PDB file of N, CA and C in Angstrom:
ATOM      1  N   UNK A   1      10.676 -43.805  -1.925  1.00  0.00           N
ATOM      2  CA  UNK A   1      10.225 -42.914  -3.413  1.00  0.00           C
ATOM      3  C   UNK A   1      11.524 -42.085  -3.879  1.00  0.00           C
ATOM      4  N   UNK A   2      12.000 -41.369  -2.790  1.00  0.00           N
ATOM      5  CA  UNK A   2      13.090 -40.279  -3.314  1.00  0.00           C
ATOM      6  C   UNK A   2      14.465 -40.836  -3.223  1.00  0.00           C
ATOM      7  N   UNK A   3      14.779 -41.791  -2.896  1.00  0.00           N
ATOM      8  CA  UNK A   3      15.967 -42.700  -2.775  1.00  0.00           C
ATOM      9  C   UNK A   3      16.050 -43.097  -4.497  1.00  0.00           C
ATOM     10  N   UNK A   4      14.821 -43.661  -4.787  1.00  0.00           N
ATOM     11  CA  UNK A   4      14.890 -44.130  -6.106  1.00  0.00           C
ATOM     12  C   UNK A   4      15.387 -43.124  -7.369  1.00  0.00           C
ATOM     13  N   UNK A   5      14.329 -41.755  -7.066  1.00  0.00           N
ATOM     14  CA  UNK A   5      14.748 -40.677  -8.265  1.00  0.00           C
ATOM     15  C   UNK A   5      16.251 -40.003  -7.812  1.00  0.00           C
ATOM     16  N   UNK A   6      16.643 -40.321  -6.779  1.00  0.00           N
ATOM     17  CA  UNK A   6      18.207 -39.845  -6.460  1.00  0.00           C
ATOM     18  C   UNK A   6      19.172 -40.925  -7.086  1.00  0.00           C
ATOM     19  N   UNK A   7      18.472 -42.105  -7.337  1.00  0.00           N
ATOM     20  CA  UNK A   7      19.263 -42.807  -8.295  1.00  0.00           C
ATOM     21  C   UNK A   7      19.599 -42.630  -9.727  1.00  0.00           C
ATOM     22  N   UNK A   8      18.288 -42.171  -9.957  1.00  0.00           N
ATOM     23  CA  UNK A   8      18.194 -42.159 -11.498  1.00  0.00           C
ATOM     24  C   UNK A   8      18.794 -41.114 -11.965  1.00  0.00           C
ATOM     25  N   UNK A   9      18.976 -39.999 -11.730  1.00  0.00           N
ATOM     26  CA  UNK A   9      19.722 -38.879 -12.073  1.00  0.00           C
ATOM     27  C   UNK A   9      21.253 -39.236 -12.110  1.00  0.00           C
ATOM     28  N   UNK A  10      21.817 -39.614 -11.577  1.00  0.00           N
ATOM     29  CA  UNK A  10      23.202 -40.091 -11.986  1.00  0.00           C
ATOM     30  C   UNK A  10      23.166 -41.134 -12.768  1.00  0.00           C
ATOM     31  N   UNK A  11      22.406 -42.157 -12.899  1.00  0.00           N
ATOM     32  CA  UNK A  11      22.406 -43.168 -13.771  1.00  0.00           C
ATOM     33  C   UNK A  11      21.719 -42.502 -15.265  1.00  0.00           C
ATOM     34  N   UNK A  12      21.314 -41.671 -15.459  1.00  0.00           N
ATOM     35  CA  UNK A  12      20.712 -41.101 -16.412  1.00  0.00           C
ATOM     36  C   UNK A  12      22.203 -40.284 -17.012  1.00  0.00           C
ATOM     37  N   UNK A  13      22.649 -39.472 -16.052  1.00  0.00           N
ATOM     38  CA  UNK A  13      23.876 -38.876 -16.669  1.00  0.00           C
ATOM     39  C   UNK A  13      24.792 -39.833 -17.241  1.00  0.00           C
ATOM     40  N   UNK A  14      25.306 -41.277 -16.471  1.00  0.00           N
ATOM     41  CA  UNK A  14      26.251 -41.948 -17.091  1.00  0.00           C
ATOM     42  C   UNK A  14      25.781 -42.291 -18.279  1.00  0.00           C
ATOM     43  N   UNK A  15      24.596 -42.725 -18.333  1.00  0.00           N
ATOM     44  CA  UNK A  15      23.975 -43.409 -20.064  1.00  0.00           C
ATOM     45  C   UNK A  15      24.104 -42.629 -20.971  1.00  0.00           C
ATOM     46  N   UNK A  16      23.956 -41.177 -20.686  1.00  0.00           N
ATOM     47  CA  UNK A  16      23.984 -40.168 -21.713  1.00  0.00           C
ATOM     48  C   UNK A  16      25.485 -40.103 -22.057  1.00  0.00           C
ATOM     49  N   UNK A  17      26.261 -39.833 -21.274  1.00  0.00           N
ATOM     50  CA  UNK A  17      27.817 -39.744 -21.377  1.00  0.00           C
ATOM     51  C   UNK A  17      28.274 -40.825 -22.285  1.00  0.00           C
ATOM     52  N   UNK A  18      28.145 -42.171 -21.535  1.00  0.00           N
ATOM     53  CA  UNK A  18      28.671 -43.243 -22.459  1.00  0.00           C
ATOM     54  C   UNK A  18      27.837 -43.268 -23.765  1.00  0.00           C
ATOM     55  N   UNK A  19      26.582 -43.045 -24.181  1.00  0.00           N
ATOM     56  CA  UNK A  19      26.129 -42.771 -25.593  1.00  0.00           C
ATOM     57  C   UNK A  19      26.975 -41.719 -26.487  1.00  0.00           C
ATOM     58  N   UNK A  20      27.251 -40.713 -25.701  1.00  0.00           N
ATOM     59  CA  UNK A  20      27.951 -39.591 -26.333  1.00  0.00           C
ATOM     60  C   UNK A  20      29.171 -39.848 -26.672  1.00  0.00           C
ATOM     61  N   UNK A  21      30.198 -40.755 -26.096  1.00  0.00           N
ATOM     62  CA  UNK A  21      31.253 -41.166 -26.350  1.00  0.00           C
ATOM     63  C   UNK A  21      31.509 -42.234 -27.510  1.00  0.00           C
ATOM     64  N   UNK A  22      30.271 -43.181 -27.378  1.00  0.00           N
ATOM     65  CA  UNK A  22      30.140 -44.381 -28.077  1.00  0.00           C
ATOM     66  C   UNK A  22      29.684 -43.706 -29.691  1.00  0.00           C
ATOM     67  N   UNK A  23      28.739 -42.508 -29.756  1.00  0.00           N
ATOM     68  CA  UNK A  23      28.324 -42.122 -30.718  1.00  0.00           C
ATOM     69  C   UNK A  23      29.540 -41.498 -31.488  1.00  0.00           C
ATOM     70  N   UNK A  24      30.283 -40.749 -30.869  1.00  0.00           N
ATOM     71  CA  UNK A  24      31.362 -40.013 -31.405  1.00  0.00           C
ATOM     72  C   UNK A  24      32.321 -40.870 -31.947  1.00  0.00           C
ATOM     73  N   UNK A  25      32.814 -42.119 -31.273  1.00  0.00           N
ATOM     74  CA  UNK A  25      33.494 -42.852 -31.934  1.00  0.00           C
ATOM     75  C   UNK A  25      33.211 -43.858 -33.191  1.00  0.00           C
ATOM     76  N   UNK A  26      31.798 -44.189 -33.186  1.00  0.00           N
ATOM     77  CA  UNK A  26      31.310 -44.665 -34.349  1.00  0.00           C
ATOM     78  C   UNK A  26      31.058 -43.716 -35.441  1.00  0.00           C
ATOM     79  N   UNK A  27      30.741 -42.289 -35.158  1.00  0.00           N
ATOM     80  CA  UNK A  27      30.757 -41.590 -36.296  1.00  0.00           C
ATOM     81  C   UNK A  27      32.066 -41.201 -36.972  1.00  0.00           C
ATOM     82  N   UNK A  28      33.007 -40.964 -36.219  1.00  0.00           N
ATOM     83  CA  UNK A  28      34.237 -40.799 -36.583  1.00  0.00           C
ATOM     84  C   UNK A  28      34.826 -41.932 -37.748  1.00  0.00           C
ATOM     85  N   UNK A  29      34.602 -43.098 -37.228  1.00  0.00           N
ATOM     86  CA  UNK A  29      35.095 -44.243 -37.936  1.00  0.00           C
ATOM     87  C   UNK A  29      33.880 -44.268 -39.464  1.00  0.00           C
ATOM     88  N   UNK A  30      33.024 -44.030 -38.971  1.00  0.00           N
ATOM     89  CA  UNK A  30      31.811 -44.175 -40.323  1.00  0.00           C
ATOM     90  C   UNK A  30      32.341 -43.014 -41.403  1.00  0.00           C
ATOM     91  N   UNK A  31      32.450 -41.465 -40.861  1.00  0.00           N
ATOM     92  CA  UNK A  31      32.839 -40.571 -41.827  1.00  0.00           C
ATOM     93  C   UNK A  31      34.120 -40.733 -42.236  1.00  0.00           C
ATOM     94  N   UNK A  32      35.145 -41.337 -41.789  1.00  0.00           N
ATOM     95  CA  UNK A  32      36.423 -41.611 -42.326  1.00  0.00           C
ATOM     96  C   UNK A  32      36.247 -42.552 -43.452  1.00  0.00           C
ATOM     97  N   UNK A  33      35.501 -43.705 -43.487  1.00  0.00           N
ATOM     98  CA  UNK A  33      35.191 -45.002 -44.399  1.00  0.00           C
ATOM     99  C   UNK A  33      34.453 -44.004 -45.398  1.00  0.00           C
ATOM    100  N   UNK A  34      33.711 -43.208 -45.203  1.00  0.00           N
ATOM    101  CA  UNK A  34      33.057 -42.528 -46.478  1.00  0.00           C
ATOM    102  C   UNK A  34      33.803 -41.708 -47.153  1.00  0.00           C
ATOM    103  N   UNK A  35      34.607 -40.891 -46.554  1.00  0.00           N
ATOM    104  CA  UNK A  35      35.448 -39.836 -47.096  1.00  0.00           C
ATOM    105  C   UNK A  35      36.546 -40.902 -47.878  1.00  0.00           C
ATOM    106  N   UNK A  36      36.971 -42.057 -47.428  1.00  0.00           N
ATOM    107  CA  UNK A  36      38.191 -42.527 -48.028  1.00  0.00           C
ATOM    108  C   UNK A  36      37.512 -43.163 -49.343  1.00  0.00           C
ATOM    109  N   UNK A  37      36.288 -43.577 -49.310  1.00  0.00           N
ATOM    110  CA  UNK A  37      35.362 -44.409 -50.360  1.00  0.00           C
ATOM    111  C   UNK A  37      35.160 -43.348 -51.268  1.00  0.00           C
ATOM    112  N   UNK A  38      34.981 -42.091 -51.023  1.00  0.00           N
ATOM    113  CA  UNK A  38      34.784 -40.860 -52.010  1.00  0.00           C
ATOM    114  C   UNK A  38      36.031 -40.516 -52.928  1.00  0.00           C
ATOM    115  N   UNK A  39      37.116 -40.506 -51.876  1.00  0.00           N
ATOM    116  CA  UNK A  39      38.361 -40.233 -52.631  1.00  0.00           C
ATOM    117  C   UNK A  39      38.820 -41.542 -53.360  1.00  0.00           C
ATOM    118  N   UNK A  40      38.525 -42.883 -53.179  1.00  0.00           N
ATOM    119  CA  UNK A  40      38.924 -43.910 -54.108  1.00  0.00           C
ATOM    120  C   UNK A  40      37.820 -43.663 -55.215  1.00  0.00           C
ATOM    121  N   UNK A  41      36.819 -43.453 -55.328  1.00  0.00           N
ATOM    122  CA  UNK A  41      36.208 -43.247 -56.463  1.00  0.00           C
ATOM    123  C   UNK A  41      36.647 -41.998 -57.098  1.00  0.00           C
ATOM    124  N   UNK A  42      36.842 -41.035 -56.710  1.00  0.00           N
ATOM    125  CA  UNK A  42      37.280 -39.797 -57.464  1.00  0.00           C
ATOM    126  C   UNK A  42      38.970 -40.162 -58.247  1.00  0.00           C
ATOM    127  N   UNK A  43      39.674 -41.055 -57.389  1.00  0.00           N
ATOM    128  CA  UNK A  43      40.984 -41.640 -58.038  1.00  0.00           C
ATOM    129  C   UNK A  43      40.745 -42.487 -59.134  1.00  0.00           C
ATOM    130  N   UNK A  44      39.284 -43.487 -58.942  1.00  0.00           N
ATOM    131  CA  UNK A  44      39.423 -44.352 -59.941  1.00  0.00           C
ATOM    132  C   UNK A  44      38.630 -43.517 -61.459  1.00  0.00           C
ATOM    133  N   UNK A  45      37.433 -42.839 -60.768  1.00  0.00           N
ATOM    134  CA  UNK A  45      36.708 -42.446 -62.047  1.00  0.00           C
ATOM    135  C   UNK A  45      37.368 -41.189 -62.850  1.00  0.00           C
ATOM    136  N   UNK A  46      38.344 -40.398 -61.957  1.00  0.00           N
ATOM    137  CA  UNK A  46      38.754 -39.212 -62.369  1.00  0.00           C
ATOM    138  C   UNK A  46      37.873 -38.137 -62.358  1.00  0.00           C
ATOM    139  N   UNK A  47      36.683 -38.470 -61.571  1.00  0.00           N
ATOM    140  CA  UNK A  47      35.954 -36.936 -61.310  1.00  0.00           C
ATOM    141  C   UNK A  47      35.339 -37.429 -60.044  1.00  0.00           C
ATOM    142  N   UNK A  48      34.622 -36.281 -59.428  1.00  0.00           N
ATOM    143  CA  UNK A  48      34.085 -36.363 -58.241  1.00  0.00           C
ATOM    144  C   UNK A  48      32.417 -37.230 -58.269  1.00  0.00           C
ATOM    145  N   UNK A  49      32.797 -37.938 -57.038  1.00  0.00           N
ATOM    146  CA  UNK A  49      31.926 -39.003 -56.818  1.00  0.00           C
ATOM    147  C   UNK A  49      30.658 -38.343 -56.322  1.00  0.00           C
ATOM    148  N   UNK A  50      29.409 -38.646 -56.625  1.00  0.00           N
ATOM    149  CA  UNK A  50      28.109 -38.199 -56.184  1.00  0.00           C
ATOM    150  C   UNK A  50      27.749 -39.204 -54.791  1.00  0.00           C
ATOM    151  N   UNK A  51      27.329 -38.295 -53.934  1.00  0.00           N
ATOM    152  CA  UNK A  51      26.793 -39.021 -52.753  1.00  0.00           C
ATOM    153  C   UNK A  51      25.384 -38.859 -52.403  1.00  0.00           C
ATOM    154  N   UNK A  52      24.878 -40.073 -52.071  1.00  0.00           N
ATOM    155  CA  UNK A  52      23.612 -39.958 -51.685  1.00  0.00           C
ATOM    156  C   UNK A  52      23.217 -39.345 -50.383  1.00  0.00           C
ATOM    157  N   UNK A  53      22.179 -38.462 -50.429  1.00  0.00           N
ATOM    158  CA  UNK A  53      21.875 -37.620 -49.201  1.00  0.00           C
ATOM    159  C   UNK A  53      20.656 -38.503 -48.549  1.00  0.00           C
ATOM    160  N   UNK A  54      20.751 -38.985 -47.418  1.00  0.00           N
ATOM    161  CA  UNK A  54      19.782 -39.882 -46.862  1.00  0.00           C
ATOM    162  C   UNK A  54      18.572 -39.052 -46.329  1.00  0.00           C
ATOM    163  N   UNK A  55      18.991 -37.703 -46.133  1.00  0.00           N
ATOM    164  CA  UNK A  55      18.101 -36.844 -45.397  1.00  0.00           C
ATOM    165  C   UNK A  55      16.910 -36.480 -46.413  1.00  0.00           C
ATOM    166  N   UNK A  56      17.494 -35.662 -47.378  1.00  0.00           N
ATOM    167  CA  UNK A  56      16.764 -34.888 -48.585  1.00  0.00           C
ATOM    168  C   UNK A  56      16.218 -36.007 -49.764  1.00  0.00           C
ATOM    169  N   UNK A  57      17.025 -37.239 -49.570  1.00  0.00           N
ATOM    170  CA  UNK A  57      16.562 -38.666 -50.460  1.00  0.00           C
ATOM    171  C   UNK A  57      17.247 -37.979 -52.080  1.00  0.00           C
ATOM    172  N   UNK A  58      18.115 -36.736 -51.944  1.00  0.00           N
ATOM    173  CA  UNK A  58      18.756 -36.671 -53.486  1.00  0.00           C
ATOM    174  C   UNK A  58      20.159 -37.307 -53.302  1.00  0.00           C
ATOM    175  N   UNK A  59      20.796 -36.775 -54.634  1.00  0.00           N
ATOM    176  CA  UNK A  59      22.017 -36.805 -54.607  1.00  0.00           C
ATOM    177  C   UNK A  59      22.933 -35.473 -54.674  1.00  0.00           C
ATOM    178  N   UNK A  60      23.842 -35.529 -53.914  1.00  0.00           N
ATOM    179  CA  UNK A  60      24.746 -34.710 -53.833  1.00  0.00           C
ATOM    180  C   UNK A  60      26.090 -34.849 -53.204  1.00  0.00           C
ATOM    181  N   UNK A  61      26.947 -33.830 -53.565  1.00  0.00           N
ATOM    182  CA  UNK A  61      28.578 -33.669 -52.771  1.00  0.00           C
ATOM    183  C   UNK A  61      28.367 -33.066 -51.940  1.00  0.00           C
ATOM    184  N   UNK A  62      28.740 -33.417 -50.549  1.00  0.00           N
ATOM    185  CA  UNK A  62      28.885 -32.571 -49.148  1.00  0.00           C
ATOM    186  C   UNK A  62      29.497 -31.404 -49.602  1.00  0.00           C
ATOM    187  N   UNK A  63      29.201 -30.559 -49.202  1.00  0.00           N
ATOM    188  CA  UNK A  63      29.396 -28.787 -49.359  1.00  0.00           C
ATOM    189  C   UNK A  63      30.785 -28.603 -48.857  1.00  0.00           C
ATOM    190  N   UNK A  64      31.218 -29.441 -47.769  1.00  0.00           N
ATOM    191  CA  UNK A  64      32.199 -29.036 -47.244  1.00  0.00           C
ATOM    192  C   UNK A  64      33.663 -30.022 -47.433  1.00  0.00           C
ATOM    193  N   UNK A  65      33.166 -30.975 -48.422  1.00  0.00           N
ATOM    194  CA  UNK A  65      34.427 -31.769 -48.720  1.00  0.00           C
ATOM    195  C   UNK A  65      35.146 -31.182 -49.994  1.00  0.00           C
ATOM    196  N   UNK A  66      36.317 -31.385 -49.711  1.00  0.00           N
ATOM    197  CA  UNK A  66      37.272 -30.941 -50.524  1.00  0.00           C
ATOM    198  C   UNK A  66      38.363 -32.088 -50.842  1.00  0.00           C
ATOM    199  N   UNK A  67      38.622 -32.024 -52.466  1.00  0.00           N
ATOM    200  CA  UNK A  67      39.542 -33.216 -52.768  1.00  0.00           C
ATOM    201  C   UNK A  67      41.036 -32.409 -53.454  1.00  0.00           C
ATOM    202  N   UNK A  68      41.885 -32.682 -53.087  1.00  0.00           N
ATOM    203  CA  UNK A  68      43.498 -32.276 -53.811  1.00  0.00           C
ATOM    204  C   UNK A  68      43.810 -33.168 -54.338  1.00  0.00           C
ATOM    205  N   UNK A  69      44.444 -33.006 -55.863  1.00  0.00           N
ATOM    206  CA  UNK A  69      44.984 -33.905 -56.473  1.00  0.00           C
ATOM    207  C   UNK A  69      46.443 -33.585 -56.629  1.00  0.00           C
ATOM    208  N   UNK A  70      47.554 -34.100 -56.132  1.00  0.00           N
ATOM    209  CA  UNK A  70      48.831 -33.758 -56.518  1.00  0.00           C
ATOM    210  C   UNK A  70      49.433 -34.692 -57.528  1.00  0.00           C
ATOM    211  N   UNK A  71      49.873 -34.229 -58.570  1.00  0.00           N
ATOM    212  CA  UNK A  71      50.617 -35.040 -59.732  1.00  0.00           C
ATOM    213  C   UNK A  71      51.958 -35.715 -59.218  1.00  0.00           C
ATOM    214  N   UNK A  72      52.239 -36.977 -59.541  1.00  0.00           N
ATOM    215  CA  UNK A  72      53.393 -37.276 -59.052  1.00  0.00           C
ATOM    216  C   UNK A  72      54.409 -37.581 -60.407  1.00  0.00           C
ATOM    217  N   UNK A  73      55.867 -37.195 -60.031  1.00  0.00           N
ATOM    218  CA  UNK A  73      57.013 -36.937 -61.126  1.00  0.00           C
ATOM    219  C   UNK A  73      56.962 -38.331 -62.124  1.00  0.00           C
ATOM    220  N   UNK A  74      56.710 -39.191 -61.644  1.00  0.00           N
ATOM    221  CA  UNK A  74      57.096 -40.579 -62.343  1.00  0.00           C
ATOM    222  C   UNK A  74      55.454 -40.986 -63.070  1.00  0.00           C
ATOM    223  N   UNK A  75      54.495 -39.941 -63.068  1.00  0.00           N
ATOM    224  CA  UNK A  75      53.089 -40.491 -63.537  1.00  0.00           C
ATOM    225  C   UNK A  75      52.223 -40.871 -62.404  1.00  0.00           C
ATOM    226  N   UNK A  76      51.072 -40.457 -62.698  1.00  0.00           N
ATOM    227  CA  UNK A  76      50.106 -40.981 -61.435  1.00  0.00           C
ATOM    228  C   UNK A  76      49.840 -39.632 -60.738  1.00  0.00           C
ATOM    229  N   UNK A  77      49.006 -39.904 -59.714  1.00  0.00           N
ATOM    230  CA  UNK A  77      48.640 -38.779 -58.941  1.00  0.00           C
ATOM    231  C   UNK A  77      48.092 -39.114 -57.330  1.00  0.00           C
ATOM    232  N   UNK A  78      48.352 -38.343 -56.453  1.00  0.00           N
ATOM    233  CA  UNK A  78      48.181 -38.315 -55.249  1.00  0.00           C
ATOM    234  C   UNK A  78      46.986 -37.733 -54.883  1.00  0.00           C
ATOM    235  N   UNK A  79      45.923 -38.172 -54.279  1.00  0.00           N
ATOM    236  CA  UNK A  79      44.562 -37.413 -53.696  1.00  0.00           C
ATOM    237  C   UNK A  79      44.139 -37.636 -52.448  1.00  0.00           C
ATOM    238  N   UNK A  80      44.271 -36.243 -52.357  1.00  0.00           N
ATOM    239  CA  UNK A  80      43.798 -36.087 -50.558  1.00  0.00           C
ATOM    240  C   UNK A  80      42.329 -35.508 -50.269  1.00  0.00           C
ATOM    241  N   UNK A  81      41.663 -36.269 -49.924  1.00  0.00           N
ATOM    242  CA  UNK A  81      40.147 -35.900 -49.569  1.00  0.00           C
ATOM    243  C   UNK A  81      40.016 -35.528 -48.088  1.00  0.00           C
ATOM    244  N   UNK A  82      39.206 -34.206 -47.653  1.00  0.00           N
ATOM    245  CA  UNK A  82      39.077 -33.963 -46.509  1.00  0.00           C
ATOM    246  C   UNK A  82      37.644 -33.408 -46.423  1.00  0.00           C
ATOM    247  N   UNK A  83      37.007 -33.565 -45.298  1.00  0.00           N
ATOM    248  CA  UNK A  83      35.551 -33.142 -44.974  1.00  0.00           C
ATOM    249  C   UNK A  83      35.475 -32.633 -43.606  1.00  0.00           C
ATOM    250  N   UNK A  84      34.871 -31.618 -43.263  1.00  0.00           N
ATOM    251  CA  UNK A  84      34.694 -31.228 -41.947  1.00  0.00           C
ATOM    252  C   UNK A  84      33.642 -31.754 -41.557  1.00  0.00           C
ATOM    253  N   UNK A  85      33.218 -32.323 -40.262  1.00  0.00           N
ATOM    254  CA  UNK A  85      32.211 -32.896 -39.383  1.00  0.00           C
ATOM    255  C   UNK A  85      31.863 -32.182 -38.267  1.00  0.00           C
ATOM    256  N   UNK A  86      30.641 -31.994 -38.281  1.00  0.00           N
ATOM    257  CA  UNK A  86      30.311 -31.489 -36.638  1.00  0.00           C
ATOM    258  C   UNK A  86      28.969 -32.219 -36.542  1.00  0.00           C
ATOM    259  N   UNK A  87      29.099 -32.975 -35.378  1.00  0.00           N
ATOM    260  CA  UNK A  87      27.944 -33.530 -34.545  1.00  0.00           C
ATOM    261  C   UNK A  87      27.493 -32.973 -33.397  1.00  0.00           C
ATOM    262  N   UNK A  88      26.282 -32.625 -33.252  1.00  0.00           N
ATOM    263  CA  UNK A  88      25.678 -31.971 -32.160  1.00  0.00           C
ATOM    264  C   UNK A  88      25.807 -32.868 -30.614  1.00  0.00           C
ATOM    265  N   UNK A  89      25.868 -32.069 -29.896  1.00  0.00           N
ATOM    266  CA  UNK A  89      25.851 -32.528 -28.552  1.00  0.00           C
ATOM    267  C   UNK A  89      24.559 -33.176 -27.899  1.00  0.00           C
ATOM    268  N   UNK A  90      24.702 -34.568 -27.266  1.00  0.00           N
ATOM    269  CA  UNK A  90      23.302 -34.776 -27.075  1.00  0.00           C
ATOM    270  C   UNK A  90      23.816 -34.762 -25.035  1.00  0.00           C
ATOM    271  N   UNK A  91      24.702 -34.603 -24.512  1.00  0.00           N
ATOM    272  CA  UNK A  91      24.707 -34.239 -23.261  1.00  0.00           C
ATOM    273  C   UNK A  91      25.854 -33.050 -22.716  1.00  0.00           C
ATOM    274  N   UNK A  92      25.875 -32.868 -21.512  1.00  0.00           N
ATOM    275  CA  UNK A  92      26.751 -31.733 -21.257  1.00  0.00           C
ATOM    276  C   UNK A  92      27.959 -31.869 -21.457  1.00  0.00           C
ATOM    277  N   UNK A  93      28.457 -32.960 -21.933  1.00  0.00           N
ATOM    278  CA  UNK A  93      29.994 -33.703 -21.718  1.00  0.00           C
ATOM    279  C   UNK A  93      30.478 -32.904 -22.950  1.00  0.00           C
ATOM    280  N   UNK A  94      30.035 -32.680 -24.217  1.00  0.00           N
ATOM    281  CA  UNK A  94      30.585 -31.648 -24.939  1.00  0.00           C
ATOM    282  C   UNK A  94      29.671 -30.797 -25.268  1.00  0.00           C
ATOM    283  N   UNK A  95      29.491 -29.614 -24.693  1.00  0.00           N
ATOM    284  CA  UNK A  95      28.540 -28.399 -25.032  1.00  0.00           C
ATOM    285  C   UNK A  95      28.430 -27.928 -26.583  1.00  0.00           C
ATOM    286  N   UNK A  96      29.655 -27.977 -26.865  1.00  0.00           N
ATOM    287  CA  UNK A  96      29.766 -27.156 -28.521  1.00  0.00           C
ATOM    288  C   UNK A  96      29.536 -28.180 -29.387  1.00  0.00           C
ATOM    289  N   UNK A  97      29.392 -29.717 -29.317  1.00  0.00           N
ATOM    290  CA  UNK A  97      29.105 -30.854 -30.140  1.00  0.00           C
ATOM    291  C   UNK A  97      30.671 -31.197 -30.527  1.00  0.00           C
ATOM    292  N   UNK A  98      30.825 -32.242 -31.583  1.00  0.00           N
ATOM    293  CA  UNK A  98      32.040 -32.977 -31.806  1.00  0.00           C
ATOM    294  C   UNK A  98      32.334 -32.436 -33.059  1.00  0.00           C
ATOM    295  N   UNK A  99      33.325 -31.824 -33.187  1.00  0.00           N
ATOM    296  CA  UNK A  99      33.957 -31.048 -34.611  1.00  0.00           C
ATOM    297  C   UNK A  99      35.273 -31.786 -34.768  1.00  0.00           C
ATOM    298  N   UNK A 100      35.326 -32.375 -35.954  1.00  0.00           N
ATOM    299  CA  UNK A 100      36.672 -32.870 -36.196  1.00  0.00           C
ATOM    300  C   UNK A 100      36.829 -32.808 -37.927  1.00  0.00           C
ATOM    301  N   UNK A 101      37.805 -33.484 -38.614  1.00  0.00           N
ATOM    302  CA  UNK A 101      37.979 -33.259 -39.741  1.00  0.00           C
ATOM    303  C   UNK A 101      38.448 -35.004 -40.635  1.00  0.00           C
ATOM    304  N   UNK A 102      37.755 -35.337 -41.376  1.00  0.00           N
ATOM    305  CA  UNK A 102      38.064 -36.626 -41.872  1.00  0.00           C
ATOM    306  C   UNK A 102      38.694 -36.406 -43.023  1.00  0.00           C
ATOM    307  N   UNK A 103      39.620 -37.712 -43.015  1.00  0.00           N
ATOM    308  CA  UNK A 103      40.589 -37.357 -44.312  1.00  0.00           C
ATOM    309  C   UNK A 103      40.899 -38.803 -44.895  1.00  0.00           C
ATOM    310  N   UNK A 104      40.862 -38.833 -46.341  1.00  0.00           N
ATOM    311  CA  UNK A 104      41.214 -39.797 -47.126  1.00  0.00           C
ATOM    312  C   UNK A 104      42.112 -40.111 -48.174  1.00  0.00           C
ATOM    313  N   UNK A 105      42.801 -40.732 -48.456  1.00  0.00           N
ATOM    314  CA  UNK A 105      44.093 -40.658 -49.386  1.00  0.00           C
ATOM    315  C   UNK A 105      43.925 -41.883 -50.573  1.00  0.00           C
ATOM    316  N   UNK A 106      44.437 -41.703 -51.561  1.00  0.00           N
ATOM    317  CA  UNK A 106      44.356 -42.461 -52.732  1.00  0.00           C
ATOM    318  C   UNK A 106      45.666 -42.019 -53.797  1.00  0.00           C
ATOM    319  N   UNK A 107      45.980 -43.291 -54.125  1.00  0.00           N
ATOM    320  CA  UNK A 107      47.447 -42.889 -55.153  1.00  0.00           C
ATOM    321  C   UNK A 107      46.647 -43.677 -56.652  1.00  0.00           C
ATOM    322  N   UNK A 108      46.941 -43.031 -57.803  1.00  0.00           N
ATOM    323  CA  UNK A 108      46.527 -43.637 -59.063  1.00  0.00           C
ATOM    324  C   UNK A 108      47.914 -43.956 -59.612  1.00  0.00           C
ATOM    325  N   UNK A 109      47.880 -44.824 -60.313  1.00  0.00           N
ATOM    326  CA  UNK A 109      49.177 -45.141 -61.191  1.00  0.00           C
ATOM    327  C   UNK A 109      49.086 -44.318 -62.915  1.00  0.00           C
TER     328      UNK A 109
END
């Protein structure tokens, strides 16, 4: 009985660590795609794109998302969008959680 419990603790720690790493990789990819889509929509429409907030059910622009538009000399513009992301930790592997910045780029003619 005690041998199975002694085996369960390292197995659980390993499982949660792998889950934390895979969640971090997947969330970075998804966040970058969402920000890129937002920036592309801003470049196409010429205004900020409204995001659907799944938690509250309403439409809103993320409060930490910023778009910077740089006019190009020959016409058109270069749009850079950034968003600060924080993902809470589920293991002691990252005690403060995962903090990163997702960036998207778009060029209009």
